[in-house]
Amino acid sequence: MKTSLGAKTLALPTPVWCVGAYDKDGRPNAMTIAWGGICCSKPPMLAVALRAATHTHGCIVARGAFTVSVPSARHAAEADFLGLASGRDMDKFAAAGLTPVRAEFVDAPYVAEFPLAIECRLAHTVELGLHTQFIGEIVDVKIDPALVDEAGHPSLPGVDPLVFAPGSRGYFRVGGPVGDAFSCGRALLPK
């Protein structure tokens, strides 16, 4: 028997993503979110959920584009800072010692120091309640060249992505491999 915790946002883990957008004056901004994920494979799309009160929310609406920069575990303090401060009040990139890079295909910045960046064109906006879900079509994924494995894929251990535990409000890193996807369960298929 499992213990009921009630209706809460306790899906474990959630990604730590830094959503980048330019404000109305063209200043780069980024904020940390934990409510996001891939939502479609063809066309490739991801979704992020932001409160309307955030500075980044208005930037995405105005520009029709955003990026997702994936911080490594070694950048936990910088990622946390991007979620604590507001771009309305300061240049968060400068304050965190981070470098904004103009995305190649969309009108938004990404974080140079973070190993993985995803460029998104805003495709859909869904009002959910306290949050707005921005669904972006992925137009490009960029990665530090040293973090591409032999098969041409991002190396998960190399990226060392930061993840968030909503209940305990802690940051964690991903552990080691436990099996091959679409393979390790084959022994359980009917013969």
N, C-alpha and C. Protein backbone atom coordinates (compact mmCIF):
# COMPACT_ATOMS: atom_id res chain seq x y z
N MET A 1 0.85 -1.18 0.00
CA MET A 1 0.00 0.00 0.00
C MET A 1 0.89 1.24 0.00
N LYS A 2 0.52 2.20 -0.81
CA LYS A 2 1.27 3.44 -0.87
C LYS A 2 0.59 4.51 -0.02
N THR A 3 1.36 5.50 0.44
CA THR A 3 0.85 6.61 1.24
C THR A 3 0.43 7.75 0.32
N SER A 4 -0.77 8.28 0.53
CA SER A 4 -1.25 9.40 -0.27
C SER A 4 -0.59 10.70 0.18
N LEU A 5 -0.08 11.47 -0.77
CA LEU A 5 0.51 12.78 -0.49
C LEU A 5 -0.39 13.90 -1.00
N GLY A 6 -1.50 13.56 -1.62
CA GLY A 6 -2.42 14.57 -2.15
C GLY A 6 -2.03 15.05 -3.53
N ALA A 7 -2.81 15.99 -4.04
CA ALA A 7 -2.57 16.54 -5.38
C ALA A 7 -1.48 17.60 -5.29
N LYS A 8 -0.26 17.21 -5.64
CA LYS A 8 0.89 18.10 -5.54
C LYS A 8 1.81 17.91 -6.74
N THR A 9 2.69 18.85 -6.95
CA THR A 9 3.63 18.79 -8.07
C THR A 9 4.88 18.00 -7.67
N LEU A 10 4.70 16.71 -7.44
CA LEU A 10 5.80 15.90 -6.93
C LEU A 10 6.30 14.86 -7.94
N ALA A 11 6.20 15.12 -9.23
CA ALA A 11 6.80 14.23 -10.21
C ALA A 11 8.32 14.30 -10.02
N LEU A 12 8.97 13.16 -9.95
CA LEU A 12 10.41 13.13 -9.69
C LEU A 12 11.19 12.49 -10.81
N PRO A 13 12.33 12.99 -11.19
CA PRO A 13 12.74 14.37 -10.95
C PRO A 13 12.17 15.27 -12.03
N THR A 14 12.39 16.56 -11.91
CA THR A 14 12.05 17.48 -12.98
C THR A 14 13.35 18.08 -13.50
N PRO A 15 13.38 18.48 -14.78
CA PRO A 15 14.62 19.06 -15.30
C PRO A 15 14.84 20.45 -14.72
N VAL A 16 16.09 20.83 -14.62
CA VAL A 16 16.43 22.22 -14.33
C VAL A 16 16.83 22.81 -15.67
N TRP A 17 15.98 23.68 -16.18
CA TRP A 17 16.21 24.32 -17.47
C TRP A 17 16.24 25.83 -17.27
N CYS A 18 17.07 26.50 -18.02
CA CYS A 18 17.13 27.95 -17.98
C CYS A 18 16.59 28.47 -19.31
N VAL A 19 15.45 29.15 -19.24
CA VAL A 19 14.75 29.64 -20.42
C VAL A 19 15.25 31.04 -20.73
N GLY A 20 15.73 31.22 -21.95
CA GLY A 20 16.28 32.50 -22.37
C GLY A 20 15.36 33.22 -23.34
N ALA A 21 15.30 34.55 -23.21
CA ALA A 21 14.51 35.39 -24.11
C ALA A 21 15.05 36.81 -24.02
N TYR A 22 14.83 37.59 -25.06
CA TYR A 22 15.19 39.01 -25.02
C TYR A 22 14.00 39.81 -24.54
N ASP A 23 14.27 40.87 -23.77
CA ASP A 23 13.18 41.74 -23.35
C ASP A 23 12.88 42.77 -24.43
N LYS A 24 11.94 43.66 -24.17
CA LYS A 24 11.49 44.62 -25.18
C LYS A 24 12.60 45.57 -25.63
N ASP A 25 13.62 45.74 -24.78
CA ASP A 25 14.75 46.60 -25.12
C ASP A 25 15.92 45.82 -25.71
N GLY A 26 15.73 44.54 -25.95
CA GLY A 26 16.78 43.71 -26.55
C GLY A 26 17.81 43.19 -25.56
N ARG A 27 17.53 43.32 -24.25
CA ARG A 27 18.46 42.81 -23.24
C ARG A 27 18.24 41.32 -23.03
N PRO A 28 19.33 40.55 -22.98
CA PRO A 28 19.18 39.11 -22.75
C PRO A 28 18.73 38.81 -21.32
N ASN A 29 17.89 37.83 -21.19
CA ASN A 29 17.36 37.42 -19.90
C ASN A 29 17.25 35.90 -19.89
N ALA A 30 17.38 35.32 -18.71
CA ALA A 30 17.17 33.88 -18.55
C ALA A 30 16.59 33.63 -17.18
N MET A 31 15.71 32.65 -17.09
CA MET A 31 15.15 32.25 -15.80
C MET A 31 15.14 30.74 -15.70
N THR A 32 15.28 30.24 -14.50
CA THR A 32 15.28 28.81 -14.26
C THR A 32 13.86 28.31 -14.05
N ILE A 33 13.55 27.21 -14.70
CA ILE A 33 12.24 26.57 -14.55
C ILE A 33 12.45 25.08 -14.26
N ALA A 34 11.45 24.47 -13.68
CA ALA A 34 11.48 23.03 -13.46
C ALA A 34 10.27 22.35 -14.09
N TRP A 35 9.33 23.14 -14.61
CA TRP A 35 8.13 22.56 -15.23
C TRP A 35 8.34 22.57 -16.73
N GLY A 36 8.92 21.49 -17.24
CA GLY A 36 9.17 21.41 -18.67
C GLY A 36 9.49 20.01 -19.12
N GLY A 37 9.40 19.80 -20.42
CA GLY A 37 9.75 18.51 -20.99
C GLY A 37 9.44 18.44 -22.47
N ILE A 38 9.91 17.39 -23.10
CA ILE A 38 9.60 17.14 -24.51
C ILE A 38 8.11 16.80 -24.59
N CYS A 39 7.42 17.35 -25.58
CA CYS A 39 5.98 17.08 -25.68
C CYS A 39 5.56 16.56 -27.06
N CYS A 40 6.47 16.54 -28.03
CA CYS A 40 6.14 15.99 -29.35
C CYS A 40 7.44 15.61 -30.05
N SER A 41 7.38 14.50 -30.82
CA SER A 41 8.58 14.08 -31.54
C SER A 41 8.59 14.52 -33.00
N LYS A 42 7.41 14.68 -33.60
CA LYS A 42 7.37 15.11 -35.01
C LYS A 42 6.22 16.06 -35.20
N PRO A 43 6.46 17.37 -35.31
CA PRO A 43 7.78 18.00 -35.27
C PRO A 43 8.32 17.99 -33.85
N PRO A 44 9.64 18.08 -33.70
CA PRO A 44 10.20 18.08 -32.36
C PRO A 44 9.77 19.32 -31.58
N MET A 45 9.18 19.13 -30.41
CA MET A 45 8.69 20.23 -29.60
C MET A 45 8.96 19.97 -28.13
N LEU A 46 9.11 21.05 -27.39
CA LEU A 46 9.18 20.95 -25.94
C LEU A 46 8.25 21.99 -25.34
N ALA A 47 7.92 21.78 -24.08
CA ALA A 47 7.01 22.68 -23.37
C ALA A 47 7.66 23.15 -22.09
N VAL A 48 7.47 24.43 -21.80
CA VAL A 48 7.91 25.01 -20.54
C VAL A 48 6.72 25.76 -19.96
N ALA A 49 6.60 25.76 -18.63
CA ALA A 49 5.50 26.46 -17.98
C ALA A 49 6.06 27.56 -17.09
N LEU A 50 5.57 28.79 -17.32
CA LEU A 50 6.03 29.96 -16.57
C LEU A 50 4.82 30.70 -16.03
N ARG A 51 4.99 31.34 -14.88
CA ARG A 51 3.95 32.20 -14.34
C ARG A 51 3.94 33.50 -15.13
N ALA A 52 2.75 34.06 -15.34
CA ALA A 52 2.61 35.31 -16.09
C ALA A 52 3.32 36.47 -15.42
N ALA A 53 3.53 36.39 -14.11
CA ALA A 53 4.18 37.47 -13.37
C ALA A 53 5.67 37.58 -13.66
N THR A 54 6.26 36.56 -14.28
CA THR A 54 7.71 36.60 -14.52
C THR A 54 8.04 37.51 -15.69
N HIS A 55 9.23 38.08 -15.63
CA HIS A 55 9.72 38.94 -16.71
C HIS A 55 9.87 38.13 -18.01
N THR A 56 10.35 36.90 -17.89
CA THR A 56 10.59 36.06 -19.06
C THR A 56 9.29 35.74 -19.80
N HIS A 57 8.20 35.58 -19.08
CA HIS A 57 6.90 35.30 -19.71
C HIS A 57 6.59 36.36 -20.75
N GLY A 58 6.67 37.63 -20.37
CA GLY A 58 6.38 38.72 -21.31
C GLY A 58 7.36 38.78 -22.45
N CYS A 59 8.61 38.43 -22.19
CA CYS A 59 9.62 38.43 -23.24
C CYS A 59 9.30 37.39 -24.31
N ILE A 60 8.90 36.20 -23.89
CA ILE A 60 8.56 35.13 -24.85
C ILE A 60 7.35 35.54 -25.69
N VAL A 61 6.34 36.10 -25.04
CA VAL A 61 5.15 36.54 -25.77
C VAL A 61 5.52 37.59 -26.80
N ALA A 62 6.35 38.56 -26.43
CA ALA A 62 6.72 39.65 -27.33
C ALA A 62 7.59 39.19 -28.49
N ARG A 63 8.51 38.26 -28.24
CA ARG A 63 9.48 37.86 -29.27
C ARG A 63 9.09 36.61 -30.04
N GLY A 64 8.18 35.80 -29.48
CA GLY A 64 7.76 34.58 -30.18
C GLY A 64 8.85 33.52 -30.27
N ALA A 65 9.80 33.56 -29.34
CA ALA A 65 10.90 32.61 -29.36
C ALA A 65 11.50 32.50 -27.97
N PHE A 66 12.18 31.38 -27.73
CA PHE A 66 12.92 31.20 -26.48
C PHE A 66 13.95 30.11 -26.68
N THR A 67 14.88 30.04 -25.76
CA THR A 67 15.84 28.95 -25.74
C THR A 67 15.72 28.22 -24.41
N VAL A 68 16.24 27.01 -24.39
CA VAL A 68 16.40 26.26 -23.15
C VAL A 68 17.88 25.91 -23.05
N SER A 69 18.53 26.41 -22.01
CA SER A 69 19.91 26.05 -21.73
C SER A 69 19.88 25.05 -20.58
N VAL A 70 20.58 23.93 -20.76
CA VAL A 70 20.60 22.87 -19.76
C VAL A 70 21.89 23.01 -18.95
N PRO A 71 21.78 23.40 -17.67
CA PRO A 71 22.98 23.55 -16.85
C PRO A 71 23.50 22.19 -16.38
N SER A 72 24.82 22.13 -16.24
CA SER A 72 25.42 20.94 -15.64
C SER A 72 25.36 21.09 -14.12
N ALA A 73 25.60 20.00 -13.42
CA ALA A 73 25.54 20.02 -11.96
C ALA A 73 26.53 21.04 -11.38
N ARG A 74 27.64 21.25 -12.04
CA ARG A 74 28.64 22.20 -11.51
C ARG A 74 28.15 23.65 -11.57
N HIS A 75 27.05 23.89 -12.30
CA HIS A 75 26.48 25.24 -12.39
C HIS A 75 25.20 25.38 -11.56
N ALA A 76 25.07 24.59 -10.49
CA ALA A 76 23.87 24.64 -9.67
C ALA A 76 23.63 26.03 -9.09
N ALA A 77 24.66 26.69 -8.58
CA ALA A 77 24.49 28.01 -7.96
C ALA A 77 24.03 29.04 -8.99
N GLU A 78 24.63 29.01 -10.19
CA GLU A 78 24.23 29.97 -11.22
C GLU A 78 22.80 29.72 -11.68
N ALA A 79 22.44 28.45 -11.85
CA ALA A 79 21.07 28.12 -12.26
C ALA A 79 20.08 28.54 -11.19
N ASP A 80 20.40 28.30 -9.94
CA ASP A 80 19.52 28.69 -8.85
C ASP A 80 19.34 30.21 -8.84
N PHE A 81 20.43 30.94 -9.01
CA PHE A 81 20.37 32.40 -9.04
C PHE A 81 19.43 32.90 -10.15
N LEU A 82 19.51 32.28 -11.33
CA LEU A 82 18.65 32.72 -12.44
C LEU A 82 17.17 32.54 -12.12
N GLY A 83 16.85 31.67 -11.16
CA GLY A 83 15.47 31.50 -10.74
C GLY A 83 15.08 32.39 -9.57
N LEU A 84 16.06 32.96 -8.88
CA LEU A 84 15.78 33.80 -7.72
C LEU A 84 15.64 35.28 -8.07
N ALA A 85 16.46 35.75 -9.00
CA ALA A 85 16.50 37.17 -9.36
C ALA A 85 15.56 37.45 -10.53
N SER A 86 15.23 38.72 -10.75
CA SER A 86 14.37 39.11 -11.86
C SER A 86 15.14 39.95 -12.86
N GLY A 87 14.95 39.64 -14.13
CA GLY A 87 15.56 40.42 -15.21
C GLY A 87 15.00 41.82 -15.31
N ARG A 88 13.88 42.07 -14.65
CA ARG A 88 13.35 43.43 -14.61
C ARG A 88 14.29 44.35 -13.83
N ASP A 89 14.97 43.77 -12.83
CA ASP A 89 15.77 44.54 -11.88
C ASP A 89 17.26 44.56 -12.17
N MET A 90 17.74 43.62 -12.96
CA MET A 90 19.19 43.52 -13.16
C MET A 90 19.53 42.73 -14.41
N ASP A 91 20.79 42.81 -14.80
CA ASP A 91 21.34 41.98 -15.85
C ASP A 91 21.78 40.68 -15.17
N LYS A 92 20.93 39.67 -15.26
CA LYS A 92 21.20 38.42 -14.55
C LYS A 92 22.41 37.70 -15.10
N PHE A 93 22.65 37.81 -16.42
CA PHE A 93 23.84 37.17 -16.99
C PHE A 93 25.10 37.74 -16.33
N ALA A 94 25.22 39.06 -16.31
CA ALA A 94 26.40 39.70 -15.72
C ALA A 94 26.53 39.36 -14.24
N ALA A 95 25.42 39.43 -13.50
CA ALA A 95 25.46 39.18 -12.07
C ALA A 95 25.90 37.75 -11.76
N ALA A 96 25.55 36.80 -12.63
CA ALA A 96 25.90 35.39 -12.40
C ALA A 96 27.24 35.01 -13.04
N GLY A 97 27.86 35.95 -13.75
CA GLY A 97 29.12 35.65 -14.43
C GLY A 97 28.92 34.74 -15.63
N LEU A 98 27.76 34.84 -16.27
CA LEU A 98 27.43 34.01 -17.43
C LEU A 98 27.43 34.85 -18.70
N THR A 99 27.56 34.18 -19.84
CA THR A 99 27.67 34.85 -21.13
C THR A 99 26.44 34.57 -21.98
N PRO A 100 25.70 35.61 -22.39
CA PRO A 100 24.59 35.38 -23.31
C PRO A 100 25.12 35.22 -24.74
N VAL A 101 24.56 34.27 -25.46
CA VAL A 101 24.90 34.06 -26.86
C VAL A 101 23.63 34.18 -27.67
N ARG A 102 23.66 34.99 -28.73
CA ARG A 102 22.50 35.13 -29.61
C ARG A 102 22.29 33.81 -30.35
N ALA A 103 21.10 33.25 -30.23
CA ALA A 103 20.79 32.00 -30.92
C ALA A 103 20.91 32.20 -32.43
N GLU A 104 21.25 31.15 -33.10
CA GLU A 104 21.45 31.21 -34.55
C GLU A 104 20.14 31.28 -35.32
N PHE A 105 19.11 30.58 -34.85
CA PHE A 105 17.88 30.43 -35.64
C PHE A 105 16.65 31.11 -35.05
N VAL A 106 16.70 31.54 -33.79
CA VAL A 106 15.56 32.21 -33.17
C VAL A 106 16.02 33.48 -32.47
N ASP A 107 15.07 34.35 -32.17
CA ASP A 107 15.36 35.64 -31.55
C ASP A 107 15.37 35.49 -30.03
N ALA A 108 16.43 34.83 -29.52
CA ALA A 108 16.55 34.59 -28.08
C ALA A 108 18.00 34.25 -27.77
N PRO A 109 18.42 34.50 -26.52
CA PRO A 109 19.79 34.15 -26.11
C PRO A 109 19.84 32.80 -25.39
N TYR A 110 21.02 32.19 -25.42
CA TYR A 110 21.24 31.02 -24.56
C TYR A 110 22.49 31.25 -23.72
N VAL A 111 22.74 30.37 -22.76
CA VAL A 111 23.85 30.51 -21.82
C VAL A 111 25.07 29.76 -22.36
N ALA A 112 26.14 30.50 -22.67
CA ALA A 112 27.35 29.90 -23.26
C ALA A 112 27.97 28.84 -22.37
N GLU A 113 27.98 29.05 -21.07
CA GLU A 113 28.67 28.15 -20.14
C GLU A 113 27.94 26.84 -19.90
N PHE A 114 26.66 26.77 -20.22
CA PHE A 114 25.90 25.54 -20.01
C PHE A 114 26.09 24.64 -21.23
N PRO A 115 26.22 23.33 -21.04
CA PRO A 115 26.66 22.45 -22.12
C PRO A 115 25.68 22.21 -23.27
N LEU A 116 24.40 22.41 -23.04
CA LEU A 116 23.40 22.08 -24.06
C LEU A 116 22.42 23.23 -24.19
N ALA A 117 22.12 23.62 -25.43
CA ALA A 117 21.16 24.71 -25.67
C ALA A 117 20.20 24.28 -26.77
N ILE A 118 18.92 24.60 -26.56
CA ILE A 118 17.86 24.23 -27.50
C ILE A 118 17.17 25.51 -27.95
N GLU A 119 17.14 25.73 -29.26
CA GLU A 119 16.50 26.92 -29.82
C GLU A 119 15.07 26.58 -30.22
N CYS A 120 14.11 27.40 -29.77
CA CYS A 120 12.69 27.10 -29.99
C CYS A 120 11.94 28.30 -30.57
N ARG A 121 11.12 28.02 -31.54
CA ARG A 121 10.18 29.00 -32.08
C ARG A 121 8.84 28.73 -31.39
N LEU A 122 8.24 29.77 -30.82
CA LEU A 122 6.98 29.60 -30.11
C LEU A 122 5.91 29.10 -31.07
N ALA A 123 5.32 27.95 -30.75
CA ALA A 123 4.30 27.35 -31.62
C ALA A 123 2.90 27.47 -31.02
N HIS A 124 2.79 27.29 -29.71
CA HIS A 124 1.49 27.33 -29.04
C HIS A 124 1.65 27.90 -27.64
N THR A 125 0.59 28.55 -27.19
CA THR A 125 0.53 29.06 -25.83
C THR A 125 -0.76 28.55 -25.21
N VAL A 126 -0.65 27.91 -24.06
CA VAL A 126 -1.80 27.33 -23.39
C VAL A 126 -1.88 27.90 -21.98
N GLU A 127 -2.98 28.54 -21.65
CA GLU A 127 -3.19 29.05 -20.30
C GLU A 127 -3.68 27.90 -19.43
N LEU A 128 -2.98 27.63 -18.34
CA LEU A 128 -3.28 26.47 -17.51
C LEU A 128 -3.87 26.81 -16.15
N GLY A 129 -3.76 28.02 -15.73
CA GLY A 129 -4.12 28.43 -14.37
C GLY A 129 -3.06 29.43 -13.94
N LEU A 130 -2.30 29.11 -12.91
CA LEU A 130 -1.22 29.98 -12.46
C LEU A 130 -0.10 30.07 -13.51
N HIS A 131 0.07 29.04 -14.30
CA HIS A 131 1.13 28.99 -15.29
C HIS A 131 0.59 29.04 -16.72
N THR A 132 1.45 29.53 -17.61
CA THR A 132 1.22 29.48 -19.04
C THR A 132 2.20 28.47 -19.61
N GLN A 133 1.69 27.55 -20.41
CA GLN A 133 2.58 26.60 -21.05
C GLN A 133 2.94 27.12 -22.43
N PHE A 134 4.24 27.32 -22.64
CA PHE A 134 4.74 27.72 -23.95
C PHE A 134 5.28 26.47 -24.62
N ILE A 135 4.72 26.17 -25.78
CA ILE A 135 5.17 25.02 -26.54
C ILE A 135 6.01 25.55 -27.69
N GLY A 136 7.25 25.13 -27.71
CA GLY A 136 8.18 25.61 -28.72
C GLY A 136 8.59 24.51 -29.68
N GLU A 137 8.59 24.85 -30.97
CA GLU A 137 9.14 23.91 -31.94
C GLU A 137 10.65 24.03 -31.90
N ILE A 138 11.30 22.90 -31.71
CA ILE A 138 12.76 22.88 -31.64
C ILE A 138 13.30 23.06 -33.05
N VAL A 139 14.08 24.13 -33.24
CA VAL A 139 14.66 24.38 -34.57
C VAL A 139 16.15 24.05 -34.60
N ASP A 140 16.77 23.92 -33.43
CA ASP A 140 18.17 23.50 -33.39
C ASP A 140 18.55 23.13 -31.96
N VAL A 141 19.48 22.21 -31.85
CA VAL A 141 20.06 21.83 -30.56
C VAL A 141 21.57 22.01 -30.70
N LYS A 142 22.16 22.70 -29.74
CA LYS A 142 23.59 22.94 -29.76
C LYS A 142 24.21 22.31 -28.51
N ILE A 143 25.41 21.75 -28.68
CA ILE A 143 26.10 21.10 -27.56
C ILE A 143 27.58 21.38 -27.68
N ASP A 144 28.26 21.42 -26.55
CA ASP A 144 29.71 21.53 -26.57
C ASP A 144 30.25 20.32 -27.33
N PRO A 145 31.12 20.52 -28.32
CA PRO A 145 31.59 19.41 -29.17
C PRO A 145 32.20 18.24 -28.41
N ALA A 146 32.86 18.50 -27.31
CA ALA A 146 33.49 17.42 -26.54
C ALA A 146 32.47 16.50 -25.88
N LEU A 147 31.18 16.90 -25.86
CA LEU A 147 30.15 16.13 -25.18
C LEU A 147 29.27 15.30 -26.12
N VAL A 148 29.73 15.12 -27.34
CA VAL A 148 29.01 14.29 -28.31
C VAL A 148 29.65 12.90 -28.28
N ASP A 149 28.82 11.86 -28.08
CA ASP A 149 29.38 10.51 -28.00
C ASP A 149 29.70 9.95 -29.38
N GLU A 150 30.19 8.72 -29.41
CA GLU A 150 30.62 8.09 -30.67
C GLU A 150 29.49 7.96 -31.68
N ALA A 151 28.24 7.87 -31.20
CA ALA A 151 27.08 7.72 -32.09
C ALA A 151 26.53 9.08 -32.53
N GLY A 152 27.15 10.17 -32.08
CA GLY A 152 26.67 11.50 -32.48
C GLY A 152 25.56 12.04 -31.59
N HIS A 153 25.40 11.47 -30.41
CA HIS A 153 24.36 11.90 -29.46
C HIS A 153 24.99 12.64 -28.28
N PRO A 154 24.21 13.49 -27.60
CA PRO A 154 24.74 14.12 -26.39
C PRO A 154 25.09 13.06 -25.36
N SER A 155 26.23 13.19 -24.75
CA SER A 155 26.66 12.27 -23.70
C SER A 155 26.02 12.72 -22.39
N LEU A 156 25.12 11.90 -21.84
CA LEU A 156 24.46 12.25 -20.58
C LEU A 156 25.49 12.45 -19.45
N PRO A 157 26.45 11.55 -19.28
CA PRO A 157 27.45 11.80 -18.23
C PRO A 157 28.25 13.07 -18.51
N GLY A 158 28.51 13.37 -19.76
CA GLY A 158 29.26 14.58 -20.10
C GLY A 158 28.49 15.85 -19.82
N VAL A 159 27.20 15.85 -20.18
CA VAL A 159 26.35 17.02 -19.90
C VAL A 159 26.17 17.17 -18.40
N ASP A 160 26.04 16.05 -17.69
CA ASP A 160 25.87 16.04 -16.24
C ASP A 160 24.73 16.98 -15.82
N PRO A 161 23.52 16.74 -16.38
CA PRO A 161 22.42 17.68 -16.16
C PRO A 161 21.96 17.73 -14.71
N LEU A 162 21.57 18.92 -14.33
CA LEU A 162 21.03 19.17 -13.01
C LEU A 162 19.54 18.82 -13.03
N VAL A 163 19.07 18.14 -11.99
CA VAL A 163 17.64 17.84 -11.86
C VAL A 163 17.17 18.34 -10.50
N PHE A 164 15.85 18.50 -10.38
CA PHE A 164 15.24 19.10 -9.22
C PHE A 164 14.23 18.14 -8.60
N ALA A 165 14.21 18.07 -7.27
CA ALA A 165 13.22 17.29 -6.53
C ALA A 165 12.24 18.28 -5.90
N PRO A 166 11.03 18.45 -6.47
CA PRO A 166 10.10 19.46 -5.98
C PRO A 166 9.74 19.35 -4.50
N GLY A 167 9.59 18.17 -3.97
CA GLY A 167 9.19 18.04 -2.57
C GLY A 167 10.26 18.54 -1.61
N SER A 168 11.47 18.02 -1.74
CA SER A 168 12.56 18.40 -0.84
C SER A 168 13.22 19.70 -1.28
N ARG A 169 12.91 20.15 -2.49
CA ARG A 169 13.48 21.38 -3.06
C ARG A 169 15.00 21.28 -3.17
N GLY A 170 15.47 20.10 -3.54
CA GLY A 170 16.91 19.88 -3.69
C GLY A 170 17.30 19.69 -5.14
N TYR A 171 18.55 20.02 -5.43
CA TYR A 171 19.13 19.76 -6.75
C TYR A 171 19.95 18.49 -6.67
N PHE A 172 19.92 17.72 -7.75
CA PHE A 172 20.66 16.45 -7.80
C PHE A 172 21.27 16.29 -9.18
N ARG A 173 22.15 15.32 -9.27
CA ARG A 173 22.68 14.95 -10.58
C ARG A 173 22.16 13.55 -10.91
N VAL A 174 22.21 13.21 -12.18
CA VAL A 174 21.72 11.92 -12.67
C VAL A 174 22.77 10.86 -12.35
N GLY A 175 22.33 9.66 -11.96
CA GLY A 175 23.24 8.56 -11.65
C GLY A 175 23.69 7.82 -12.90
N GLY A 176 24.27 6.69 -12.71
CA GLY A 176 24.81 5.89 -13.80
C GLY A 176 23.75 5.09 -14.53
N PRO A 177 24.13 4.44 -15.63
CA PRO A 177 23.19 3.67 -16.45
C PRO A 177 22.66 2.43 -15.70
N VAL A 178 21.43 2.05 -16.02
CA VAL A 178 20.82 0.87 -15.41
C VAL A 178 20.33 -0.13 -16.44
N GLY A 179 20.32 0.24 -17.71
CA GLY A 179 19.88 -0.66 -18.77
C GLY A 179 19.74 0.08 -20.07
N ASP A 180 19.59 -0.67 -21.15
CA ASP A 180 19.41 -0.08 -22.47
C ASP A 180 17.92 0.06 -22.78
N ALA A 181 17.51 1.27 -23.15
CA ALA A 181 16.10 1.53 -23.48
C ALA A 181 15.68 0.72 -24.70
N PHE A 182 14.43 0.32 -24.71
CA PHE A 182 13.83 -0.48 -25.79
C PHE A 182 14.53 -1.82 -25.94
N SER A 183 15.21 -2.27 -24.89
CA SER A 183 15.93 -3.53 -24.95
C SER A 183 15.87 -4.30 -23.64
N CYS A 184 16.16 -3.64 -22.50
CA CYS A 184 16.29 -4.36 -21.23
C CYS A 184 14.98 -5.03 -20.80
N GLY A 185 13.85 -4.60 -21.30
CA GLY A 185 12.57 -5.22 -20.95
C GLY A 185 12.12 -6.31 -21.89
N ARG A 186 12.89 -6.56 -22.94
CA ARG A 186 12.49 -7.58 -23.93
C ARG A 186 12.27 -8.96 -23.32
N ALA A 187 13.01 -9.29 -22.29
CA ALA A 187 12.87 -10.63 -21.67
C ALA A 187 11.49 -10.80 -21.06
N LEU A 188 10.77 -9.71 -20.79
CA LEU A 188 9.43 -9.80 -20.19
C LEU A 188 8.32 -9.89 -21.23
N LEU A 189 8.65 -9.67 -22.52
CA LEU A 189 7.65 -9.77 -23.58
C LEU A 189 7.19 -11.21 -23.74
N PRO A 190 5.91 -11.42 -24.10
CA PRO A 190 5.45 -12.81 -24.33
C PRO A 190 6.23 -13.45 -25.47
N LYS A 191 6.47 -14.73 -25.31
CA LYS A 191 7.21 -15.49 -26.34
C LYS A 191 6.30 -15.89 -27.46
